[in-house]
Protein backbone atom coordinates (compact mmCIF):
# COMPACT_ATOMS: atom_id res chain seq x y z
CA UNK A 1 139.51 25.05 81.83
CA UNK A 2 135.34 23.61 81.33
CA UNK A 3 118.74 25.43 86.11
CA UNK A 4 115.61 25.64 87.54
CA UNK A 5 113.69 27.89 85.57
CA UNK A 6 111.15 30.60 86.34
CA UNK A 7 110.64 33.93 84.67
CA UNK A 8 112.35 37.06 85.90
CA UNK A 9 110.81 40.49 85.91
CA UNK A 10 113.68 42.86 85.55
CA UNK A 11 117.39 43.43 85.59
CA UNK A 12 118.29 47.10 85.87
CA UNK A 13 121.64 48.75 86.20
CA UNK A 14 122.58 52.39 85.87
CA UNK A 15 125.98 53.90 85.22
CA UNK A 16 127.33 57.35 85.87
CA UNK A 17 130.39 58.42 83.92
CA UNK A 18 130.91 54.81 82.98
CA UNK A 19 131.07 53.62 86.62
CA UNK A 20 128.43 51.22 87.84
CA UNK A 21 126.58 52.81 90.76
CA UNK A 22 123.43 50.75 91.22
CA UNK A 23 122.30 47.26 90.44
CA UNK A 24 118.74 46.19 91.09
CA UNK A 25 118.04 42.54 90.53
CA UNK A 26 114.59 41.14 91.11
CA UNK A 27 114.72 38.10 93.35
CA UNK A 28 112.96 36.01 90.72
CA UNK A 29 116.10 36.23 88.56
CA UNK A 30 117.49 33.38 90.65
CA UNK A 31 114.64 31.18 89.53
CA UNK A 32 115.30 32.04 85.91
CA UNK A 33 119.03 31.68 85.79
CA UNK A 34 119.81 29.27 88.58
CA UNK A 35 122.91 29.26 90.77
CA UNK A 36 125.47 28.72 88.04
CA UNK A 37 124.13 31.47 85.82
CA UNK A 38 124.00 33.86 88.77
CA UNK A 39 127.69 33.21 89.42
CA UNK A 40 128.48 33.90 85.76
CA UNK A 41 126.40 37.07 85.81
CA UNK A 42 128.15 38.34 88.94
CA UNK A 43 131.54 37.61 87.36
CA UNK A 44 130.61 39.50 84.18
CA UNK A 45 129.39 42.48 86.22
CA UNK A 46 132.59 42.43 88.30
CA UNK A 47 134.72 42.29 85.14
CA UNK A 48 132.78 45.20 83.62
CA UNK A 49 133.14 47.21 86.83
CA UNK A 50 136.91 46.65 86.98
CA UNK A 51 137.33 47.64 83.33
CA UNK A 52 135.14 50.74 83.81
CA UNK A 53 137.14 51.83 86.84
CA UNK A 54 140.47 51.71 85.01
CA UNK A 55 139.00 53.18 81.85
CA UNK A 56 137.23 56.17 83.41
CA UNK A 57 138.06 56.71 87.09
CA UNK A 58 141.46 55.32 88.04
CA UNK A 59 144.02 58.09 88.67
CA UNK A 60 146.76 58.05 86.04
CA UNK A 61 150.26 57.93 87.57
CA UNK A 62 152.82 60.39 86.33
CA UNK A 63 154.66 59.14 83.22
CA UNK A 64 151.74 56.89 82.23
CA UNK A 65 148.75 57.54 79.97
CA UNK A 66 145.06 56.77 80.20
CA UNK A 67 145.69 54.08 77.56
CA UNK A 68 148.03 52.38 80.03
CA UNK A 69 145.24 52.27 82.60
CA UNK A 70 142.90 50.93 79.94
CA UNK A 71 145.35 48.12 79.17
CA UNK A 72 145.47 47.15 82.86
CA UNK A 73 141.67 47.25 83.03
CA UNK A 74 141.34 45.01 79.99
CA UNK A 75 143.88 42.56 81.44
CA UNK A 76 142.11 42.31 84.81
CA UNK A 77 138.71 42.10 83.13
CA UNK A 78 139.88 39.17 80.99
CA UNK A 79 141.51 37.39 83.93
CA UNK A 80 138.21 37.54 85.84
CA UNK A 81 136.32 36.14 82.85
CA UNK A 82 138.89 33.40 82.21
CA UNK A 83 139.20 32.27 85.83
CA UNK A 84 135.43 32.22 86.43
CA UNK A 85 134.64 30.93 82.92
CA UNK A 86 131.77 33.41 82.89
CA UNK A 87 132.16 33.60 79.12
CA UNK A 88 133.68 31.01 76.78
CA UNK A 89 137.44 31.51 76.53
CA UNK A 90 137.19 32.30 72.82
CA UNK A 91 134.56 35.00 73.42
CA UNK A 92 136.89 36.66 75.94
CA UNK A 93 139.65 36.63 73.32
CA UNK A 94 137.29 38.34 70.87
CA UNK A 95 136.65 40.94 73.57
CA UNK A 96 140.39 41.70 73.67
CA UNK A 97 140.38 42.47 69.96
CA UNK A 98 137.39 44.78 70.47
CA UNK A 99 138.55 46.64 73.58
CA UNK A 100 142.22 47.26 72.72
CA UNK A 101 141.49 49.47 69.68
CA UNK A 102 138.36 51.01 71.21
CA UNK A 103 140.40 52.29 74.15
CA UNK A 104 143.35 53.41 72.02
CA UNK A 105 145.83 50.88 73.40
CA UNK A 106 146.44 49.47 69.90
CA UNK A 107 145.09 50.81 66.59
CA UNK A 108 142.54 49.13 64.34
CA UNK A 109 144.80 49.75 61.35
CA UNK A 110 148.58 50.01 61.08
CA UNK A 111 149.49 53.59 62.05
CA UNK A 112 152.56 55.79 61.59
CA UNK A 113 153.18 58.08 64.57
CA UNK A 114 154.55 61.64 64.40
CA UNK A 115 158.02 60.39 65.33
CA UNK A 116 157.96 58.00 62.38
CA UNK A 117 157.39 54.88 64.46
CA UNK A 118 154.99 52.35 62.96
CA UNK A 119 152.42 50.73 65.25
CA UNK A 120 150.96 47.55 63.82
CA UNK A 121 147.23 46.92 63.74
CA UNK A 122 145.78 44.96 66.65
CA UNK A 123 145.10 42.19 64.13
CA UNK A 124 148.80 41.94 63.23
CA UNK A 125 150.14 41.71 66.79
CA UNK A 126 149.89 37.95 67.34
CA UNK A 127 152.21 35.36 65.86
CA UNK A 128 151.09 32.15 64.19
CA UNK A 129 154.15 30.43 65.66
CA UNK A 130 152.43 29.35 68.86
CA UNK A 131 149.19 28.05 67.28
CA UNK A 132 151.19 26.06 64.70
CA UNK A 133 153.31 24.47 67.42
CA UNK A 134 150.11 23.72 69.33
CA UNK A 135 148.67 21.85 66.34
CA UNK A 136 151.83 19.76 66.11
CA UNK A 137 151.79 19.01 69.86
CA UNK A 138 148.18 17.87 69.71
CA UNK A 139 148.87 15.78 66.60
CA UNK A 140 151.67 13.98 68.46
CA UNK A 141 149.44 13.53 71.50
CA UNK A 142 146.57 12.04 69.51
CA UNK A 143 148.95 9.70 67.66
CA UNK A 144 150.54 8.43 70.90
CA UNK A 145 147.16 7.90 72.56
CA UNK A 146 146.09 5.74 69.61
CA UNK A 147 148.92 3.27 70.33
CA UNK A 148 149.72 0.92 73.25
CA UNK A 149 152.97 2.81 73.98
CA UNK A 150 151.77 4.25 77.35
CA UNK A 151 150.73 0.77 78.53
CA UNK A 152 154.06 -0.70 77.46
CA UNK A 153 155.88 1.92 79.51
CA UNK A 154 153.62 1.44 82.55
CA UNK A 155 154.08 -2.33 82.31
CA UNK A 156 157.86 -1.87 82.26
CA UNK A 157 157.63 0.26 85.42
CA UNK A 158 155.57 -2.40 87.18
CA UNK A 159 158.07 -5.12 86.30
CA UNK A 160 160.95 -2.92 87.45
CA UNK A 161 159.23 -2.19 90.77
CA UNK A 162 158.88 -5.89 91.69
CA UNK A 163 155.94 -5.09 93.95
CA UNK A 164 157.60 -2.19 95.78
CA UNK A 165 154.86 0.46 95.88
CA UNK A 166 157.42 3.23 96.45
CA UNK A 167 159.17 2.28 93.22
CA UNK A 168 155.81 2.24 91.44
CA UNK A 169 155.05 5.83 92.50
CA UNK A 170 158.54 7.07 91.63
CA UNK A 171 158.59 5.15 88.34
CA UNK A 172 155.14 6.24 87.18
CA UNK A 173 155.84 9.86 88.10
CA UNK A 174 159.10 9.82 86.17
CA UNK A 175 157.59 8.28 83.02
CA UNK A 176 154.67 10.71 83.23
CA UNK A 177 157.12 13.60 83.42
CA UNK A 178 159.12 12.27 80.47
CA UNK A 179 156.00 11.69 78.36
CA UNK A 180 154.84 15.20 79.23
CA UNK A 181 157.97 16.64 77.63
CA UNK A 182 156.92 15.30 74.24
CA UNK A 183 153.11 15.25 74.28
CA UNK A 184 150.57 17.62 75.83
CA UNK A 185 150.89 17.56 79.62
CA UNK A 186 147.11 17.38 80.02
CA UNK A 187 147.04 14.17 78.00
CA UNK A 188 150.04 12.72 79.86
CA UNK A 189 148.24 13.34 83.14
CA UNK A 190 145.00 11.77 81.90
CA UNK A 191 146.74 8.69 80.48
CA UNK A 192 148.82 7.84 83.55
CA UNK A 193 146.21 8.80 86.16
CA UNK A 194 143.89 6.34 84.43
CA UNK A 195 146.52 3.59 84.31
CA UNK A 196 147.64 4.22 87.91
CA UNK A 197 144.17 4.18 89.43
CA UNK A 198 143.24 1.01 87.55
CA UNK A 199 146.15 -0.63 89.39
CA UNK A 200 145.02 0.78 92.76
CA UNK A 201 141.43 -0.38 92.19
CA UNK A 202 142.61 -3.86 91.18
CA UNK A 203 144.60 -3.84 94.43
CA UNK A 204 141.30 -3.28 96.32
CA UNK A 205 142.24 0.26 97.30
CA UNK A 206 139.59 2.32 99.08
CA UNK A 207 139.07 6.01 98.31
CA UNK A 208 140.32 8.42 101.02
CA UNK A 209 142.07 5.47 102.73
CA UNK A 210 144.52 4.09 100.17
CA UNK A 211 147.90 5.76 100.57
CA UNK A 212 148.88 4.57 97.11
CA UNK A 213 145.75 6.08 95.59
CA UNK A 214 146.44 9.40 97.32
CA UNK A 215 150.08 9.43 96.27
CA UNK A 216 149.31 8.71 92.62
CA UNK A 217 146.41 11.17 92.28
CA UNK A 218 148.66 13.90 93.66
CA UNK A 219 151.94 12.80 92.11
CA UNK A 220 150.99 11.92 88.52
CA UNK A 221 149.38 15.29 87.65
CA UNK A 222 152.23 17.14 89.40
CA UNK A 223 154.74 15.14 87.34
CA UNK A 224 152.85 15.98 84.15
CA UNK A 225 152.93 19.69 84.96
CA UNK A 226 156.63 19.65 85.83
CA UNK A 227 157.59 17.43 82.90
CA UNK A 228 155.86 19.83 80.53
CA UNK A 229 158.63 22.32 81.26
CA UNK A 230 161.25 20.09 79.64
CA UNK A 231 160.88 20.91 75.94
CA UNK A 232 159.11 23.68 74.02
CA UNK A 233 156.58 21.04 72.93
CA UNK A 234 155.57 19.98 76.46
CA UNK A 235 153.09 22.81 76.98
CA UNK A 236 151.64 25.47 74.69
CA UNK A 237 152.68 28.05 77.30
CA UNK A 238 156.35 27.31 76.57
CA UNK A 239 156.03 28.54 73.00
CA UNK A 240 153.96 31.48 74.22
CA UNK A 241 156.70 32.76 76.55
CA UNK A 242 159.38 32.20 73.88
CA UNK A 243 157.32 34.24 71.41
CA UNK A 244 156.55 37.00 73.94
CA UNK A 245 160.21 37.36 74.92
CA UNK A 246 161.35 37.68 71.32
CA UNK A 247 158.60 40.19 70.55
CA UNK A 248 159.36 42.30 73.63
CA UNK A 249 163.17 42.57 73.48
CA UNK A 250 164.26 40.58 70.43
CA UNK A 251 165.91 37.83 72.49
CA UNK A 252 165.64 34.45 70.76
CA UNK A 253 165.39 31.30 72.85
CA UNK A 254 166.37 28.38 70.62
CA UNK A 255 164.71 24.98 70.70
CA UNK A 256 167.92 23.31 71.84
CA UNK A 257 168.68 26.03 74.37
CA UNK A 258 165.31 25.50 76.03
CA UNK A 259 165.92 21.75 76.22
CA UNK A 260 169.42 22.19 77.68
CA UNK A 261 168.09 24.40 80.46
CA UNK A 262 164.80 22.71 81.23
CA UNK A 263 165.09 18.95 80.67
CA UNK A 264 167.55 18.51 83.60
CA UNK A 265 165.43 20.88 85.71
CA UNK A 266 162.21 18.99 84.99
CA UNK A 267 163.78 15.57 85.61
CA UNK A 268 165.39 16.64 88.89
CA UNK A 269 162.26 18.35 90.24
CA UNK A 270 160.04 15.41 89.26
CA UNK A 271 162.38 12.93 90.96
CA UNK A 272 162.69 15.00 94.15
CA UNK A 273 158.92 15.49 94.22
CA UNK A 274 158.38 11.74 93.90
CA UNK A 275 160.68 11.14 96.87
CA UNK A 276 158.65 13.63 98.89
CA UNK A 277 155.37 11.97 97.96
CA UNK A 278 156.46 8.43 98.86
CA UNK A 279 157.68 9.81 102.18
CA UNK A 280 154.49 11.63 103.24
CA UNK A 281 152.01 8.88 102.30
CA UNK A 282 151.80 5.42 103.85
CA UNK A 283 151.78 3.15 100.80
CA UNK A 284 150.17 -0.28 100.87
CA UNK A 285 151.77 -3.31 99.21
CA UNK A 286 150.81 -4.25 95.67
CA UNK A 287 149.30 -7.65 94.96
CA UNK A 288 150.56 -9.52 91.94
CA UNK A 289 147.03 -9.69 90.51
CA UNK A 290 146.91 -5.90 90.22
CA UNK A 291 149.56 -6.05 87.51
CA UNK A 292 147.19 -7.97 85.26
CA UNK A 293 145.16 -4.80 84.65
CA UNK A 294 147.99 -3.27 82.64
CA UNK A 295 149.13 -6.53 81.09
CA UNK A 296 145.60 -7.17 79.81
CA UNK A 297 145.81 -4.02 77.68
CA UNK A 298 148.72 -5.59 75.80
CA UNK A 299 147.05 -8.95 75.17
CA UNK A 300 147.19 -9.97 71.54
CA UNK A 301 149.93 -7.46 70.71
CA UNK A 302 153.03 -9.37 69.75
CA UNK A 303 156.00 -7.05 70.04
CA UNK A 304 156.14 -3.47 68.85
CA UNK A 305 153.67 -2.69 66.06
CA UNK A 306 154.43 -1.16 62.67
CA UNK A 307 152.39 1.91 63.61
CA UNK A 308 154.47 2.43 66.75
CA UNK A 309 157.69 2.20 64.73
CA UNK A 310 156.38 4.72 62.18
CA UNK A 311 155.30 7.07 64.97
CA UNK A 312 158.66 6.92 66.74
CA UNK A 313 160.63 7.49 63.51
CA UNK A 314 158.31 10.34 62.47
CA UNK A 315 158.67 12.07 65.83
CA UNK A 316 162.43 11.56 66.18
CA UNK A 317 163.03 13.11 62.74
CA UNK A 318 160.74 16.07 63.50
CA UNK A 319 162.33 16.65 66.91
CA UNK A 320 165.82 16.35 65.43
CA UNK A 321 165.05 18.93 62.74
CA UNK A 322 163.70 21.33 65.36
CA UNK A 323 166.93 20.99 67.33
CA UNK A 324 168.95 21.45 64.11
CA UNK A 325 167.17 24.79 63.57
CA UNK A 326 169.39 26.11 66.38
CA UNK A 327 172.40 26.06 64.03
CA UNK A 328 170.81 25.97 60.58
CA UNK A 329 168.66 29.03 59.86
CA UNK A 330 167.51 27.33 56.65
CA UNK A 331 165.50 24.95 58.85
CA UNK A 332 162.50 26.75 60.28
CA UNK A 333 160.99 24.92 63.25
CA UNK A 334 157.51 26.28 62.47
CA UNK A 335 157.76 24.87 58.96
CA UNK A 336 158.92 21.56 60.41
CA UNK A 337 155.82 21.46 62.63
CA UNK A 338 153.55 22.23 59.67
CA UNK A 339 155.14 19.68 57.34
CA UNK A 340 155.11 16.88 59.89
CA UNK A 341 151.47 17.57 60.76
CA UNK A 342 150.67 17.00 57.08
CA UNK A 343 152.88 13.90 56.86
CA UNK A 344 151.00 12.26 59.74
CA UNK A 345 147.91 11.89 57.52
CA UNK A 346 149.58 10.63 54.34
CA UNK A 347 148.57 7.18 53.03
CA UNK A 348 151.19 4.67 54.05
CA UNK A 349 151.99 6.57 57.25
CA UNK A 350 148.44 6.96 58.58
CA UNK A 351 149.45 8.00 62.10
CA UNK A 352 146.18 9.84 62.64
CA UNK A 353 142.61 9.95 61.42
CA UNK A 354 140.77 13.21 60.92
CA UNK A 355 138.48 12.38 63.84
CA UNK A 356 141.37 11.64 66.21
CA UNK A 357 143.08 14.90 65.26
CA UNK A 358 140.00 17.10 65.57
CA UNK A 359 139.05 15.60 68.93
CA UNK A 360 142.54 16.26 70.30
CA UNK A 361 142.60 20.02 69.63
CA UNK A 362 141.47 22.33 72.47
CA UNK A 363 140.70 25.36 70.34
CA UNK A 364 139.94 27.48 73.42
CA UNK A 365 143.53 27.05 74.62
CA UNK A 366 144.95 28.04 71.23
CA UNK A 367 142.72 31.11 70.99
CA UNK A 368 143.59 32.14 74.56
CA UNK A 369 147.28 32.00 73.66
CA UNK A 370 146.65 34.21 70.60
CA UNK A 371 144.71 36.73 72.70
CA UNK A 372 147.38 36.88 75.38
CA UNK A 373 150.06 37.68 72.80
CA UNK A 374 148.05 40.73 71.69
CA UNK A 375 147.23 41.78 75.25
CA UNK A 376 150.87 41.54 76.34
CA UNK A 377 151.93 43.69 73.38
CA UNK A 378 149.49 46.36 74.51
CA UNK A 379 150.75 46.23 78.10
CA UNK A 380 154.41 46.48 77.10
CA UNK A 381 153.73 49.28 74.62
CA UNK A 382 152.01 51.48 77.21
CA UNK A 383 154.95 51.21 79.63
CA UNK A 384 152.92 49.78 82.53
CA UNK A 385 155.40 47.01 83.28
CA UNK A 386 158.37 49.39 83.33
CA UNK A 387 156.47 51.79 85.61
CA UNK A 388 155.63 48.93 88.00
CA UNK A 389 159.27 47.84 88.25
CA UNK A 390 160.57 51.40 88.71
CA UNK A 391 157.96 52.12 91.39
CA UNK A 392 157.77 48.93 93.43
CA UNK A 393 161.23 47.44 92.87
CA UNK A 394 163.27 50.57 93.43
CA UNK A 395 167.00 49.89 93.27
CA UNK A 396 166.62 46.48 91.63
CA UNK A 397 169.55 47.38 89.36
CA UNK A 398 171.92 47.15 92.33
CA UNK A 399 170.70 43.81 93.63
CA UNK A 400 172.84 40.64 93.28
CA UNK A 401 171.83 38.53 90.29
CA UNK A 402 170.78 35.59 92.48
CA UNK A 403 168.45 37.83 94.51
CA UNK A 404 166.92 39.21 91.32
CA UNK A 405 166.17 35.70 90.05
CA UNK A 406 164.72 34.75 93.46
CA UNK A 407 162.42 37.79 93.45
CA UNK A 408 161.31 37.08 89.87
CA UNK A 409 160.45 33.50 90.86
CA UNK A 410 158.61 34.60 94.01
CA UNK A 411 156.59 37.25 92.16
CA UNK A 412 155.57 34.64 89.59
CA UNK A 413 154.65 32.10 92.26
CA UNK A 414 152.49 34.63 94.14
CA UNK A 415 150.74 35.68 90.93
CA UNK A 416 149.94 32.04 90.22
CA UNK A 417 148.40 31.63 93.67
CA UNK A 418 145.84 34.30 92.77
CA UNK A 419 145.46 33.45 89.06
CA UNK A 420 145.05 29.67 88.76
CA UNK A 421 145.27 29.45 84.94
CA UNK A 422 148.74 29.42 83.36
CA UNK A 423 148.34 31.64 80.25
CA UNK A 424 146.74 34.56 82.16
CA UNK A 425 149.58 34.35 84.70
CA UNK A 426 152.00 34.62 81.78
CA UNK A 427 150.20 37.70 80.46
CA UNK A 428 150.93 39.48 83.76
CA UNK A 429 154.29 37.98 84.74
CA UNK A 430 156.30 38.05 81.51
CA UNK A 431 155.99 41.82 80.86
CA UNK A 432 157.03 42.44 84.48
CA UNK A 433 160.00 40.07 84.32
CA UNK A 434 161.10 41.51 80.98
CA UNK A 435 161.00 44.99 82.50
CA UNK A 436 163.12 43.85 85.47
CA UNK A 437 165.76 42.20 83.28
CA UNK A 438 165.86 45.13 80.86
CA UNK A 439 166.31 47.64 83.70
CA UNK A 440 169.06 45.61 85.36
CA UNK A 441 171.02 44.92 82.19
CA UNK A 442 170.66 48.48 80.89
CA UNK A 443 171.92 49.95 84.17
CA UNK A 444 174.90 47.59 84.21
CA UNK A 445 175.70 48.04 80.52
CA UNK A 446 176.11 44.26 80.26
CA UNK A 447 174.12 41.07 80.68
CA UNK A 448 173.78 40.63 84.45
CA UNK A 449 170.61 38.53 84.20
CA UNK A 450 170.24 36.40 81.08
CA UNK A 451 166.84 37.09 79.44
CA UNK A 452 166.49 33.37 78.75
CA UNK A 453 165.79 32.96 82.47
CA UNK A 454 162.55 34.90 81.95
CA UNK A 455 161.38 32.30 79.44
CA UNK A 456 162.26 29.44 81.79
CA UNK A 457 160.41 31.03 84.72
CA UNK A 458 157.46 31.68 82.42
CA UNK A 459 157.34 28.07 81.27
CA UNK A 460 157.91 26.83 84.84
CA UNK A 461 156.37 28.75 87.73
CA UNK A 462 153.80 30.48 85.50
CA UNK A 463 152.42 27.02 84.69
CA UNK A 464 153.29 24.78 87.67
CA UNK A 465 151.34 25.35 90.87
CA UNK A 466 150.36 22.42 93.06
CA UNK A 467 149.25 24.30 96.19
CA UNK A 468 145.54 23.90 95.42
CA UNK A 469 143.69 21.56 93.02
CA UNK A 470 142.60 24.33 90.66
CA UNK A 471 144.57 23.68 87.48
CA UNK A 472 142.83 21.41 84.94
CA UNK A 473 145.81 19.04 84.94
CA UNK A 474 145.80 18.73 88.73
CA UNK A 475 142.02 18.25 88.73
CA UNK A 476 142.37 15.13 86.57
CA UNK A 477 143.74 13.37 89.65
CA UNK A 478 141.97 15.22 92.45
CA UNK A 479 138.49 14.84 90.94
CA UNK A 480 138.77 11.06 91.17
CA UNK A 481 138.02 11.41 94.88
CA UNK A 482 140.96 9.49 96.37
CA UNK A 483 142.24 12.34 98.56
CA UNK A 484 140.46 14.98 100.64
CA UNK A 485 141.00 18.70 100.10
CA UNK A 486 142.51 19.12 103.58
CA UNK A 487 145.09 16.39 103.07
CA UNK A 488 145.85 17.57 99.54
CA UNK A 489 146.63 21.11 100.70
CA UNK A 490 148.81 19.83 103.56
CA UNK A 491 150.98 17.68 101.29
CA UNK A 492 150.85 19.19 97.80
CA UNK A 493 153.01 22.29 98.28
CA UNK A 494 156.38 20.55 97.98
CA UNK A 495 156.66 20.11 94.16
CA UNK A 496 156.13 23.83 93.55
CA UNK A 497 158.57 24.86 96.28
CA UNK A 498 161.15 22.37 94.98
CA UNK A 499 160.74 23.88 91.50
CA UNK A 500 161.20 27.40 92.86
CA UNK A 501 164.39 26.53 94.76
CA UNK A 502 165.79 24.50 91.87
CA UNK A 503 165.03 27.31 89.39
CA UNK A 504 166.80 29.91 91.51
CA UNK A 505 169.91 27.73 91.79
CA UNK A 506 169.98 26.09 88.34
CA UNK A 507 168.88 28.77 85.88
CA UNK A 508 171.66 31.31 86.58
CA UNK A 509 174.22 28.48 86.24
CA UNK A 510 172.95 27.03 82.95
CA UNK A 511 171.63 30.16 81.24
CA UNK A 512 175.00 31.18 79.83
CA UNK A 513 175.37 27.79 78.16
CA UNK A 514 171.76 27.40 77.01
CA UNK A 515 171.20 31.01 75.93
CA UNK A 516 174.53 32.54 74.88
CA UNK A 517 174.34 36.29 74.25
């Protein structure tokens, strides 16, 4: 999620009825723009063509409107732009706010329909809940990275392993997964990939040959992705799916409920994945000298520091208050996030500097989340998701609950294979899953499939995909060059498949406890 230059003579395109029919590009354009710019230009043209097709030419199915087709066109257009990074993520979000009202999917201003229903302005459709949580997550991440806590944990794993490289892989994957539950998963991956590879290099590991290097560059990012499922704070996508579910059908997933369902799931899947990884790679022994790399980071630090104590107390209180919001409506978890962000900068606490905080915030991710909220509202409002379910999943109301959950997981997994970025997958999958659950429960007149399962699938399989090294978190390990693409693809599928199987089995069992009706 991140040009040799000669003049060009012309770039001409003509449209008929809004559909692109001819593109004439002078060959000298390649000299002007270079390869990378040509790819971006092609992606922009493809996105425009897809949008134009759905806006002007796509047949409108019975029971749907042209606005519904426009919403699909905008969604696909944005996915193309996000995946190819043809435009900055934030610019694509701005495009959403332009296209939705222009095509009539959502109004510019709040509108009252003839039936008395009020449709909010496109500018009122997104919630500040997710961006505020994101700011808190990134504040925690920056504060943790400014302390020796990660090195303390890694050092403890090394001492526990006693030179057993299998224990090192399992231990580092588990602590990465646990860290990822409480700080941004991208940061957890970066921290522990760096620590892990410093150990491998000190052990004289050779790229493409070291089994330990391969195992860690595959396993650590996978553990960070999976661990991010555990709490609502582990990944910004978790708060996005919680917000989308409540907006769509009014079902509230509590902070504690999410943790009850997903912490055991994340821990189990991370552990099983680590066992797979130590089995499929031949791991070399670790020399005692390699441990000194981590120990050297702790030189001169006598015991736990005052800053570490303040950070732990600050976070435990904030996390405890967010859990308490499950029972005490007077405690608003968004307000907790805001207040504790402010507290982190107060004199005497000083957990963060302004520079550390600003450098930790990926504004493009936050803006993408905001844009997806608006886009999903438009999709749900036009009835596209319901039409899709009624057309392609005929008879889903009569299926056993376990089969329904399996199909929802498989649909999400397949979508993620074609859309490598988590939030755009969520923008497609969540409206579909909500439509499935609504249809099933409405037909039964009772809760056959708990809607909380939709949130868990959204935070899980919409985000976790280890089949190919395309996700930014996975790339942190793969880009280090310790494992070839061919070997990665042969051995990386297991964590995602384990998550799918575990989700199908675990979520129906725990959902009644975690998300009571």
